[in-house]
Amino acid sequence: MHGPVQAAWLLVALCAVSGSYCLLRMRSRIEEQRRTAGGEALMGFGMAVMAVPAAVVALPRWAWLGYAVVFGAATLHALWAARASRHHLHHLIGAFAMVYMSAAMITAPGAHAGHGGAGLPPLTGALLLYFAGYVLWSGARLVPAGPVAAGRGGGSAVIGWGDRPELALACRLSMGIGMLAMLLTL
């Protein structure tokens, strides 16, 4: 599932940092942040472990089966949560992509070592299109629309690191980029 080893380690670092920030967001005072941060942390750390180069650790088939089960449960949870919030549809697609990549590693274990040939090309292509669109959309949302007024509202409310929406969006953007990279090398 990987190309050059250096790129794989950068992907591991990106996903691990994103997962760590999501854990920090779980301590947020904002309920919606707490609600979604756990699933996003699971996704970040799962992607980090999945991206470890096969030359370092070649995971056995049962490990990929474990991934499929864990992210299958995450898919069902996101499906249930999507009833209440549209944002969980993205979690649903992300968790499904993780199940799909895990299943591809079960059926074609050589693909993790960079030999390719895993997965169904139409499904991989559809997931690539979705995540490419998501990355472009998320990146565009990070660009400020105009000058930002400092100290709006007259008070100086202290915003914790877990409550910063732009950091949460940057975290989601980086995980979307990571998912793109993993799907490209599938």
N, C-alpha and C. Protein backbone atom coordinates (compact mmCIF):
# COMPACT_ATOMS: atom_id res chain seq x y z
N MET A 1 0.82 -1.18 0.00
CA MET A 1 0.00 0.00 0.00
C MET A 1 0.86 1.25 0.00
N HIS A 2 2.17 1.11 -0.08
CA HIS A 2 3.02 2.28 0.07
C HIS A 2 3.99 2.45 -1.07
N GLY A 3 4.38 3.70 -1.27
CA GLY A 3 5.42 4.03 -2.23
C GLY A 3 6.75 4.12 -1.48
N PRO A 4 7.46 5.23 -1.66
CA PRO A 4 8.76 5.41 -0.99
C PRO A 4 8.63 5.38 0.53
N VAL A 5 9.64 4.84 1.17
CA VAL A 5 9.62 4.68 2.63
C VAL A 5 9.55 6.04 3.33
N GLN A 6 10.27 7.05 2.82
CA GLN A 6 10.24 8.37 3.47
C GLN A 6 8.83 8.97 3.44
N ALA A 7 8.15 8.81 2.31
CA ALA A 7 6.78 9.32 2.20
C ALA A 7 5.86 8.58 3.17
N ALA A 8 6.08 7.29 3.34
CA ALA A 8 5.26 6.50 4.26
C ALA A 8 5.45 7.00 5.69
N TRP A 9 6.70 7.28 6.08
CA TRP A 9 6.94 7.77 7.44
C TRP A 9 6.34 9.16 7.64
N LEU A 10 6.37 10.00 6.61
CA LEU A 10 5.72 11.31 6.72
C LEU A 10 4.22 11.15 6.90
N LEU A 11 3.64 10.19 6.20
CA LEU A 11 2.21 9.90 6.35
C LEU A 11 1.91 9.38 7.75
N VAL A 12 2.76 8.53 8.27
CA VAL A 12 2.60 8.03 9.65
C VAL A 12 2.60 9.21 10.62
N ALA A 13 3.57 10.11 10.47
CA ALA A 13 3.67 11.27 11.37
C ALA A 13 2.45 12.17 11.24
N LEU A 14 2.03 12.46 10.02
CA LEU A 14 0.87 13.33 9.79
C LEU A 14 -0.38 12.75 10.45
N CYS A 15 -0.61 11.47 10.25
CA CYS A 15 -1.81 10.84 10.82
C CYS A 15 -1.73 10.73 12.34
N ALA A 16 -0.55 10.45 12.88
CA ALA A 16 -0.40 10.35 14.33
C ALA A 16 -0.60 11.71 15.00
N VAL A 17 -0.08 12.77 14.40
CA VAL A 17 -0.28 14.11 14.95
C VAL A 17 -1.76 14.49 14.88
N SER A 18 -2.40 14.17 13.77
CA SER A 18 -3.84 14.44 13.64
C SER A 18 -4.63 13.68 14.69
N GLY A 19 -4.32 12.40 14.87
CA GLY A 19 -5.01 11.61 15.89
C GLY A 19 -4.78 12.16 17.29
N SER A 20 -3.57 12.64 17.55
CA SER A 20 -3.26 13.23 18.87
C SER A 20 -4.07 14.49 19.11
N TYR A 21 -4.17 15.34 18.08
CA TYR A 21 -4.97 16.55 18.24
C TYR A 21 -6.44 16.20 18.47
N CYS A 22 -6.92 15.18 17.79
CA CYS A 22 -8.31 14.77 18.00
C CYS A 22 -8.53 14.29 19.43
N LEU A 23 -7.54 13.62 20.01
CA LEU A 23 -7.65 13.24 21.43
C LEU A 23 -7.74 14.48 22.31
N LEU A 24 -6.98 15.50 21.98
CA LEU A 24 -7.03 16.75 22.72
C LEU A 24 -8.41 17.39 22.59
N ARG A 25 -9.01 17.29 21.41
CA ARG A 25 -10.35 17.84 21.19
C ARG A 25 -11.42 17.13 22.01
N MET A 26 -11.13 15.91 22.44
CA MET A 26 -12.10 15.18 23.26
C MET A 26 -12.30 15.84 24.62
N ARG A 27 -11.40 16.75 25.00
CA ARG A 27 -11.51 17.46 26.27
C ARG A 27 -12.21 18.80 26.10
N SER A 28 -12.73 19.08 24.93
CA SER A 28 -13.36 20.35 24.60
C SER A 28 -14.60 20.61 25.46
N ARG A 29 -14.91 21.89 25.62
CA ARG A 29 -16.15 22.27 26.32
C ARG A 29 -17.33 22.23 25.36
N ILE A 30 -17.06 22.15 24.07
CA ILE A 30 -18.12 22.14 23.06
C ILE A 30 -18.53 20.69 22.80
N GLU A 31 -19.80 20.40 23.02
CA GLU A 31 -20.28 19.02 22.94
C GLU A 31 -20.07 18.40 21.57
N GLU A 32 -20.34 19.13 20.51
CA GLU A 32 -20.18 18.59 19.15
C GLU A 32 -18.73 18.21 18.87
N GLN A 33 -17.78 19.00 19.41
CA GLN A 33 -16.36 18.68 19.25
C GLN A 33 -16.06 17.34 19.92
N ARG A 34 -16.53 17.18 21.14
CA ARG A 34 -16.27 15.93 21.87
C ARG A 34 -16.89 14.74 21.16
N ARG A 35 -18.08 14.95 20.61
CA ARG A 35 -18.82 13.86 19.99
C ARG A 35 -18.09 13.30 18.77
N THR A 36 -17.48 14.16 17.98
CA THR A 36 -16.83 13.69 16.76
C THR A 36 -15.35 13.40 16.93
N ALA A 37 -14.73 13.94 17.96
CA ALA A 37 -13.28 13.83 18.11
C ALA A 37 -12.81 12.39 18.33
N GLY A 38 -13.57 11.59 19.03
CA GLY A 38 -13.16 10.21 19.29
C GLY A 38 -13.05 9.39 18.01
N GLY A 39 -14.04 9.50 17.16
CA GLY A 39 -13.99 8.79 15.88
C GLY A 39 -12.87 9.27 14.99
N GLU A 40 -12.63 10.58 15.03
CA GLU A 40 -11.54 11.13 14.22
C GLU A 40 -10.18 10.71 14.77
N ALA A 41 -10.07 10.59 16.09
CA ALA A 41 -8.81 10.11 16.68
C ALA A 41 -8.57 8.65 16.27
N LEU A 42 -9.61 7.83 16.33
CA LEU A 42 -9.49 6.44 15.88
C LEU A 42 -9.03 6.38 14.43
N MET A 43 -9.61 7.23 13.60
CA MET A 43 -9.25 7.26 12.19
C MET A 43 -7.79 7.69 12.02
N GLY A 44 -7.36 8.72 12.73
CA GLY A 44 -5.99 9.20 12.62
C GLY A 44 -4.97 8.15 13.04
N PHE A 45 -5.19 7.55 14.19
CA PHE A 45 -4.24 6.54 14.67
C PHE A 45 -4.30 5.27 13.81
N GLY A 46 -5.50 4.91 13.36
CA GLY A 46 -5.62 3.74 12.48
C GLY A 46 -4.89 3.95 11.17
N MET A 47 -5.00 5.15 10.61
CA MET A 47 -4.29 5.45 9.37
C MET A 47 -2.78 5.47 9.62
N ALA A 48 -2.35 5.96 10.78
CA ALA A 48 -0.92 6.00 11.09
C ALA A 48 -0.35 4.60 11.14
N VAL A 49 -1.04 3.69 11.82
CA VAL A 49 -0.54 2.32 11.92
C VAL A 49 -0.59 1.63 10.56
N MET A 50 -1.65 1.89 9.80
CA MET A 50 -1.78 1.28 8.48
C MET A 50 -0.69 1.77 7.53
N ALA A 51 -0.19 2.97 7.73
CA ALA A 51 0.80 3.55 6.83
C ALA A 51 2.24 3.15 7.16
N VAL A 52 2.46 2.46 8.27
CA VAL A 52 3.82 2.04 8.61
C VAL A 52 4.35 1.18 7.47
N PRO A 53 5.56 1.49 6.97
CA PRO A 53 6.10 0.74 5.82
C PRO A 53 6.18 -0.76 6.10
N ALA A 54 5.83 -1.54 5.10
CA ALA A 54 5.84 -3.00 5.24
C ALA A 54 7.25 -3.53 5.47
N ALA A 55 8.27 -2.77 5.05
CA ALA A 55 9.64 -3.20 5.27
C ALA A 55 9.99 -3.19 6.76
N VAL A 56 9.27 -2.38 7.53
CA VAL A 56 9.52 -2.28 8.97
C VAL A 56 8.70 -3.32 9.72
N VAL A 57 7.40 -3.34 9.44
CA VAL A 57 6.49 -4.28 10.11
C VAL A 57 5.53 -4.81 9.05
N ALA A 58 5.66 -6.07 8.74
CA ALA A 58 4.73 -6.72 7.82
C ALA A 58 3.60 -7.32 8.64
N LEU A 59 2.46 -6.69 8.59
CA LEU A 59 1.33 -7.17 9.41
C LEU A 59 0.79 -8.48 8.86
N PRO A 60 0.48 -9.42 9.74
CA PRO A 60 -0.11 -10.69 9.30
C PRO A 60 -1.57 -10.47 8.88
N ARG A 61 -2.11 -11.43 8.20
CA ARG A 61 -3.50 -11.32 7.72
C ARG A 61 -4.49 -11.08 8.85
N TRP A 62 -4.27 -11.72 10.00
CA TRP A 62 -5.23 -11.56 11.10
C TRP A 62 -5.26 -10.11 11.58
N ALA A 63 -4.16 -9.37 11.46
CA ALA A 63 -4.15 -7.96 11.87
C ALA A 63 -5.05 -7.15 10.94
N TRP A 64 -4.99 -7.45 9.64
CA TRP A 64 -5.86 -6.74 8.70
C TRP A 64 -7.32 -7.09 8.94
N LEU A 65 -7.57 -8.34 9.34
CA LEU A 65 -8.93 -8.73 9.69
C LEU A 65 -9.40 -7.95 10.91
N GLY A 66 -8.51 -7.77 11.88
CA GLY A 66 -8.84 -6.95 13.06
C GLY A 66 -9.16 -5.52 12.67
N TYR A 67 -8.37 -4.96 11.75
CA TYR A 67 -8.67 -3.62 11.24
C TYR A 67 -10.06 -3.57 10.63
N ALA A 68 -10.37 -4.57 9.81
CA ALA A 68 -11.67 -4.60 9.15
C ALA A 68 -12.80 -4.65 10.17
N VAL A 69 -12.62 -5.41 11.24
CA VAL A 69 -13.65 -5.51 12.28
C VAL A 69 -13.80 -4.18 13.03
N VAL A 70 -12.67 -3.60 13.44
CA VAL A 70 -12.72 -2.33 14.19
C VAL A 70 -13.36 -1.23 13.35
N PHE A 71 -12.91 -1.10 12.10
CA PHE A 71 -13.46 -0.03 11.28
C PHE A 71 -14.83 -0.38 10.72
N GLY A 72 -15.17 -1.67 10.70
CA GLY A 72 -16.55 -2.06 10.40
C GLY A 72 -17.49 -1.57 11.49
N ALA A 73 -17.06 -1.73 12.74
CA ALA A 73 -17.85 -1.21 13.86
C ALA A 73 -17.93 0.32 13.80
N ALA A 74 -16.82 0.97 13.43
CA ALA A 74 -16.84 2.43 13.29
C ALA A 74 -17.77 2.86 12.16
N THR A 75 -17.84 2.05 11.10
CA THR A 75 -18.76 2.34 10.00
C THR A 75 -20.20 2.26 10.47
N LEU A 76 -20.52 1.22 11.23
CA LEU A 76 -21.89 1.09 11.76
C LEU A 76 -22.22 2.24 12.71
N HIS A 77 -21.26 2.62 13.55
CA HIS A 77 -21.49 3.75 14.46
C HIS A 77 -21.72 5.04 13.68
N ALA A 78 -20.93 5.27 12.64
CA ALA A 78 -21.10 6.48 11.83
C ALA A 78 -22.43 6.45 11.08
N LEU A 79 -22.85 5.28 10.65
CA LEU A 79 -24.14 5.15 9.98
C LEU A 79 -25.27 5.53 10.95
N TRP A 80 -25.16 5.07 12.18
CA TRP A 80 -26.16 5.40 13.20
C TRP A 80 -26.13 6.90 13.52
N ALA A 81 -24.93 7.47 13.66
CA ALA A 81 -24.78 8.88 14.00
C ALA A 81 -25.18 9.79 12.85
N ALA A 82 -25.12 9.30 11.62
CA ALA A 82 -25.47 10.13 10.46
C ALA A 82 -26.95 10.50 10.45
N ARG A 83 -27.74 9.80 11.23
CA ARG A 83 -29.16 10.16 11.33
C ARG A 83 -29.32 11.54 11.95
N ALA A 84 -28.40 11.92 12.84
CA ALA A 84 -28.52 13.17 13.57
C ALA A 84 -27.72 14.31 12.94
N SER A 85 -26.65 14.00 12.23
CA SER A 85 -25.79 15.05 11.70
C SER A 85 -25.19 14.62 10.36
N ARG A 86 -25.27 15.52 9.39
CA ARG A 86 -24.71 15.24 8.06
C ARG A 86 -23.20 15.06 8.11
N HIS A 87 -22.53 15.68 9.07
CA HIS A 87 -21.08 15.57 9.18
C HIS A 87 -20.64 14.11 9.34
N HIS A 88 -21.47 13.31 9.93
CA HIS A 88 -21.13 11.91 10.15
C HIS A 88 -21.14 11.10 8.86
N LEU A 89 -21.71 11.64 7.79
CA LEU A 89 -21.62 10.96 6.50
C LEU A 89 -20.17 10.87 6.05
N HIS A 90 -19.40 11.92 6.33
CA HIS A 90 -17.98 11.88 6.00
C HIS A 90 -17.27 10.81 6.84
N HIS A 91 -17.63 10.71 8.11
CA HIS A 91 -17.05 9.66 8.96
C HIS A 91 -17.43 8.28 8.42
N LEU A 92 -18.65 8.15 7.94
CA LEU A 92 -19.11 6.90 7.37
C LEU A 92 -18.26 6.50 6.16
N ILE A 93 -18.02 7.45 5.27
CA ILE A 93 -17.22 7.16 4.07
C ILE A 93 -15.76 6.87 4.46
N GLY A 94 -15.23 7.61 5.41
CA GLY A 94 -13.86 7.38 5.86
C GLY A 94 -13.68 6.01 6.50
N ALA A 95 -14.62 5.64 7.36
CA ALA A 95 -14.53 4.33 8.01
C ALA A 95 -14.71 3.21 6.99
N PHE A 96 -15.63 3.42 6.05
CA PHE A 96 -15.81 2.43 4.99
C PHE A 96 -14.53 2.28 4.16
N ALA A 97 -13.86 3.40 3.87
CA ALA A 97 -12.60 3.34 3.11
C ALA A 97 -11.55 2.54 3.88
N MET A 98 -11.52 2.67 5.20
CA MET A 98 -10.57 1.90 6.00
C MET A 98 -10.90 0.40 5.95
N VAL A 99 -12.19 0.06 6.01
CA VAL A 99 -12.60 -1.34 5.89
C VAL A 99 -12.20 -1.86 4.51
N TYR A 100 -12.44 -1.07 3.49
CA TYR A 100 -12.11 -1.45 2.11
C TYR A 100 -10.61 -1.71 1.95
N MET A 101 -9.79 -0.80 2.48
CA MET A 101 -8.34 -0.99 2.36
C MET A 101 -7.88 -2.20 3.17
N SER A 102 -8.48 -2.43 4.32
CA SER A 102 -8.14 -3.61 5.13
C SER A 102 -8.51 -4.88 4.38
N ALA A 103 -9.68 -4.90 3.78
CA ALA A 103 -10.11 -6.07 3.01
C ALA A 103 -9.18 -6.30 1.82
N ALA A 104 -8.71 -5.23 1.21
CA ALA A 104 -7.78 -5.36 0.09
C ALA A 104 -6.46 -5.97 0.56
N MET A 105 -6.05 -5.64 1.77
CA MET A 105 -4.81 -6.20 2.30
C MET A 105 -4.98 -7.66 2.69
N ILE A 106 -6.20 -8.05 3.06
CA ILE A 106 -6.46 -9.46 3.37
C ILE A 106 -6.40 -10.30 2.09
N THR A 107 -7.00 -9.78 1.02
CA THR A 107 -7.07 -10.55 -0.22
C THR A 107 -5.79 -10.48 -1.04
N ALA A 108 -5.03 -9.38 -0.92
CA ALA A 108 -3.78 -9.22 -1.68
C ALA A 108 -2.70 -8.66 -0.77
N PRO A 109 -2.16 -9.47 0.14
CA PRO A 109 -1.20 -8.96 1.11
C PRO A 109 0.06 -8.37 0.51
N GLY A 110 0.43 -8.73 -0.71
CA GLY A 110 1.61 -8.16 -1.36
C GLY A 110 1.44 -6.69 -1.69
N ALA A 111 0.21 -6.21 -1.72
CA ALA A 111 -0.04 -4.80 -2.06
C ALA A 111 0.52 -3.87 -0.99
N HIS A 112 0.57 -4.31 0.26
CA HIS A 112 1.11 -3.48 1.33
C HIS A 112 2.60 -3.23 1.14
N ALA A 113 3.28 -4.13 0.50
CA ALA A 113 4.71 -3.98 0.26
C ALA A 113 4.99 -3.13 -0.97
N GLY A 114 3.95 -2.56 -1.59
CA GLY A 114 4.15 -1.69 -2.74
C GLY A 114 4.03 -2.40 -4.07
N HIS A 115 3.50 -3.62 -4.08
CA HIS A 115 3.37 -4.36 -5.32
C HIS A 115 2.07 -4.07 -6.04
N GLY A 116 1.17 -3.31 -5.44
CA GLY A 116 -0.06 -2.88 -6.10
C GLY A 116 -1.01 -4.03 -6.39
N GLY A 117 -2.06 -3.72 -7.15
CA GLY A 117 -2.99 -4.74 -7.58
C GLY A 117 -4.07 -5.09 -6.58
N ALA A 118 -4.24 -4.32 -5.53
CA ALA A 118 -5.28 -4.63 -4.54
C ALA A 118 -6.49 -3.75 -4.79
N GLY A 119 -7.63 -4.24 -4.40
CA GLY A 119 -8.84 -3.43 -4.48
C GLY A 119 -9.53 -3.50 -5.83
N LEU A 120 -10.71 -2.93 -5.86
CA LEU A 120 -11.52 -2.85 -7.08
C LEU A 120 -11.33 -1.46 -7.69
N PRO A 121 -10.80 -1.37 -8.90
CA PRO A 121 -10.52 -0.06 -9.49
C PRO A 121 -11.70 0.92 -9.50
N PRO A 122 -12.94 0.50 -9.82
CA PRO A 122 -14.04 1.47 -9.80
C PRO A 122 -14.31 2.03 -8.39
N LEU A 123 -14.26 1.16 -7.38
CA LEU A 123 -14.50 1.60 -6.01
C LEU A 123 -13.35 2.48 -5.51
N THR A 124 -12.12 2.07 -5.83
CA THR A 124 -10.97 2.89 -5.46
C THR A 124 -11.07 4.26 -6.12
N GLY A 125 -11.46 4.28 -7.39
CA GLY A 125 -11.62 5.55 -8.11
C GLY A 125 -12.69 6.43 -7.49
N ALA A 126 -13.81 5.83 -7.10
CA ALA A 126 -14.89 6.61 -6.47
C ALA A 126 -14.43 7.20 -5.14
N LEU A 127 -13.71 6.41 -4.35
CA LEU A 127 -13.19 6.92 -3.08
C LEU A 127 -12.15 8.01 -3.31
N LEU A 128 -11.30 7.83 -4.32
CA LEU A 128 -10.31 8.86 -4.65
C LEU A 128 -11.00 10.17 -5.04
N LEU A 129 -12.04 10.09 -5.86
CA LEU A 129 -12.79 11.30 -6.24
C LEU A 129 -13.41 11.98 -5.03
N TYR A 130 -14.01 11.18 -4.15
CA TYR A 130 -14.62 11.76 -2.96
C TYR A 130 -13.59 12.48 -2.11
N PHE A 131 -12.48 11.81 -1.80
CA PHE A 131 -11.48 12.42 -0.91
C PHE A 131 -10.75 13.58 -1.58
N ALA A 132 -10.57 13.53 -2.90
CA ALA A 132 -9.99 14.68 -3.60
C ALA A 132 -10.92 15.89 -3.47
N GLY A 133 -12.20 15.66 -3.68
CA GLY A 133 -13.17 16.75 -3.51
C GLY A 133 -13.21 17.26 -2.08
N TYR A 134 -13.15 16.35 -1.12
CA TYR A 134 -13.17 16.74 0.29
C TYR A 134 -11.94 17.57 0.65
N VAL A 135 -10.78 17.17 0.15
CA VAL A 135 -9.55 17.91 0.43
C VAL A 135 -9.63 19.32 -0.17
N LEU A 136 -10.11 19.43 -1.40
CA LEU A 136 -10.24 20.75 -2.03
C LEU A 136 -11.25 21.62 -1.27
N TRP A 137 -12.36 21.04 -0.87
CA TRP A 137 -13.39 21.78 -0.14
C TRP A 137 -12.87 22.23 1.23
N SER A 138 -12.20 21.32 1.94
CA SER A 138 -11.65 21.65 3.26
C SER A 138 -10.57 22.71 3.15
N GLY A 139 -9.71 22.58 2.15
CA GLY A 139 -8.65 23.57 1.95
C GLY A 139 -9.22 24.95 1.64
N ALA A 140 -10.27 24.99 0.84
CA ALA A 140 -10.90 26.27 0.51
C ALA A 140 -11.54 26.91 1.74
N ARG A 141 -12.04 26.09 2.64
CA ARG A 141 -12.66 26.63 3.86
C ARG A 141 -11.63 27.20 4.83
N LEU A 142 -10.37 26.79 4.69
CA LEU A 142 -9.32 27.32 5.56
C LEU A 142 -8.84 28.70 5.13
N VAL A 143 -9.09 29.04 3.86
CA VAL A 143 -8.67 30.35 3.35
C VAL A 143 -9.63 31.40 3.90
N PRO A 144 -9.11 32.42 4.60
CA PRO A 144 -10.01 33.44 5.15
C PRO A 144 -10.69 34.24 4.04
N ALA A 145 -11.96 34.58 4.27
CA ALA A 145 -12.74 35.33 3.29
C ALA A 145 -12.38 36.80 3.28
N GLY A 146 -11.82 37.30 4.33
CA GLY A 146 -11.45 38.69 4.43
C GLY A 146 -10.70 38.91 5.72
N PRO A 147 -10.46 40.19 6.04
CA PRO A 147 -9.75 40.46 7.30
C PRO A 147 -10.56 39.99 8.50
N VAL A 148 -9.88 39.42 9.45
CA VAL A 148 -10.53 38.91 10.66
C VAL A 148 -10.38 39.95 11.75
N ALA A 149 -11.52 40.34 12.35
CA ALA A 149 -11.50 41.33 13.42
C ALA A 149 -11.06 40.65 14.71
N ALA A 150 -10.07 41.23 15.34
CA ALA A 150 -9.57 40.68 16.60
C ALA A 150 -10.46 41.10 17.75
N GLY A 151 -10.71 40.19 18.64
CA GLY A 151 -11.44 40.51 19.86
C GLY A 151 -12.91 40.81 19.63
N ARG A 152 -13.57 40.11 18.72
CA ARG A 152 -14.99 40.32 18.50
C ARG A 152 -15.77 40.00 19.77
N GLY A 153 -16.86 40.71 19.96
CA GLY A 153 -17.72 40.44 21.09
C GLY A 153 -17.36 41.21 22.34
N GLY A 154 -16.35 42.03 22.29
CA GLY A 154 -16.01 42.89 23.42
C GLY A 154 -15.27 42.21 24.54
N GLY A 155 -15.38 40.92 24.68
CA GLY A 155 -14.71 40.21 25.78
C GLY A 155 -13.52 39.43 25.25
N SER A 156 -12.70 39.01 26.15
CA SER A 156 -11.55 38.21 25.71
C SER A 156 -11.73 36.79 26.24
N ALA A 157 -12.61 36.05 25.56
CA ALA A 157 -12.86 34.67 25.95
C ALA A 157 -11.64 33.83 25.61
N VAL A 158 -11.26 32.99 26.53
CA VAL A 158 -10.11 32.12 26.32
C VAL A 158 -10.60 30.88 25.58
N ILE A 159 -10.02 30.65 24.42
CA ILE A 159 -10.38 29.49 23.62
C ILE A 159 -9.29 28.45 23.78
N GLY A 160 -9.67 27.26 24.21
CA GLY A 160 -8.70 26.19 24.38
C GLY A 160 -8.29 25.60 23.04
N TRP A 161 -7.17 24.89 23.02
CA TRP A 161 -6.67 24.29 21.79
C TRP A 161 -7.67 23.31 21.20
N GLY A 162 -8.45 22.68 22.02
CA GLY A 162 -9.43 21.72 21.53
C GLY A 162 -10.68 22.36 20.98
N ASP A 163 -10.85 23.67 21.18
CA ASP A 163 -12.05 24.36 20.73
C ASP A 163 -11.84 25.21 19.50
N ARG A 164 -10.72 25.11 18.86
CA ARG A 164 -10.42 25.96 17.70
C ARG A 164 -10.91 25.28 16.43
N PRO A 165 -11.97 25.82 15.81
CA PRO A 165 -12.54 25.16 14.63
C PRO A 165 -11.57 25.11 13.45
N GLU A 166 -10.69 26.11 13.32
CA GLU A 166 -9.76 26.09 12.19
C GLU A 166 -8.72 24.98 12.35
N LEU A 167 -8.35 24.66 13.59
CA LEU A 167 -7.42 23.55 13.80
C LEU A 167 -8.10 22.21 13.56
N ALA A 168 -9.36 22.11 13.95
CA ALA A 168 -10.11 20.88 13.69
C ALA A 168 -10.24 20.66 12.19
N LEU A 169 -10.51 21.74 11.44
CA LEU A 169 -10.63 21.62 9.99
C LEU A 169 -9.28 21.26 9.36
N ALA A 170 -8.20 21.86 9.86
CA ALA A 170 -6.86 21.51 9.35
C ALA A 170 -6.54 20.05 9.64
N CYS A 171 -6.98 19.56 10.79
CA CYS A 171 -6.78 18.15 11.14
C CYS A 171 -7.54 17.26 10.17
N ARG A 172 -8.79 17.60 9.89
CA ARG A 172 -9.59 16.82 8.94
C ARG A 172 -8.99 16.87 7.54
N LEU A 173 -8.49 18.04 7.17
CA LEU A 173 -7.84 18.20 5.87
C LEU A 173 -6.63 17.29 5.77
N SER A 174 -5.80 17.27 6.80
CA SER A 174 -4.60 16.43 6.75
C SER A 174 -4.96 14.94 6.71
N MET A 175 -6.01 14.54 7.40
CA MET A 175 -6.43 13.14 7.33
C MET A 175 -7.01 12.82 5.96
N GLY A 176 -7.69 13.78 5.34
CA GLY A 176 -8.18 13.58 3.97
C GLY A 176 -7.03 13.41 2.99
N ILE A 177 -5.98 14.21 3.16
CA ILE A 177 -4.79 14.08 2.32
C ILE A 177 -4.14 12.71 2.54
N GLY A 178 -4.08 12.29 3.80
CA GLY A 178 -3.53 10.97 4.11
C GLY A 178 -4.34 9.85 3.47
N MET A 179 -5.65 9.99 3.51
CA MET A 179 -6.51 8.96 2.89
C MET A 179 -6.28 8.93 1.38
N LEU A 180 -6.16 10.10 0.77
CA LEU A 180 -5.84 10.16 -0.66
C LEU A 180 -4.55 9.42 -0.97
N ALA A 181 -3.51 9.70 -0.18
CA ALA A 181 -2.21 9.06 -0.41
C ALA A 181 -2.31 7.55 -0.27
N MET A 182 -3.06 7.09 0.71
CA MET A 182 -3.18 5.65 0.92
C MET A 182 -3.97 4.99 -0.21
N LEU A 183 -5.01 5.66 -0.66
CA LEU A 183 -5.82 5.09 -1.76
C LEU A 183 -5.05 5.10 -3.07
N LEU A 184 -4.22 6.13 -3.28
CA LEU A 184 -3.44 6.21 -4.53
C LEU A 184 -2.46 5.04 -4.66
N THR A 185 -1.94 4.59 -3.54
CA THR A 185 -0.96 3.52 -3.59
C THR A 185 -1.57 2.14 -3.39
N LEU A 186 -2.89 2.06 -3.31
CA LEU A 186 -3.58 0.78 -3.13
C LEU A 186 -3.52 -0.03 -4.41
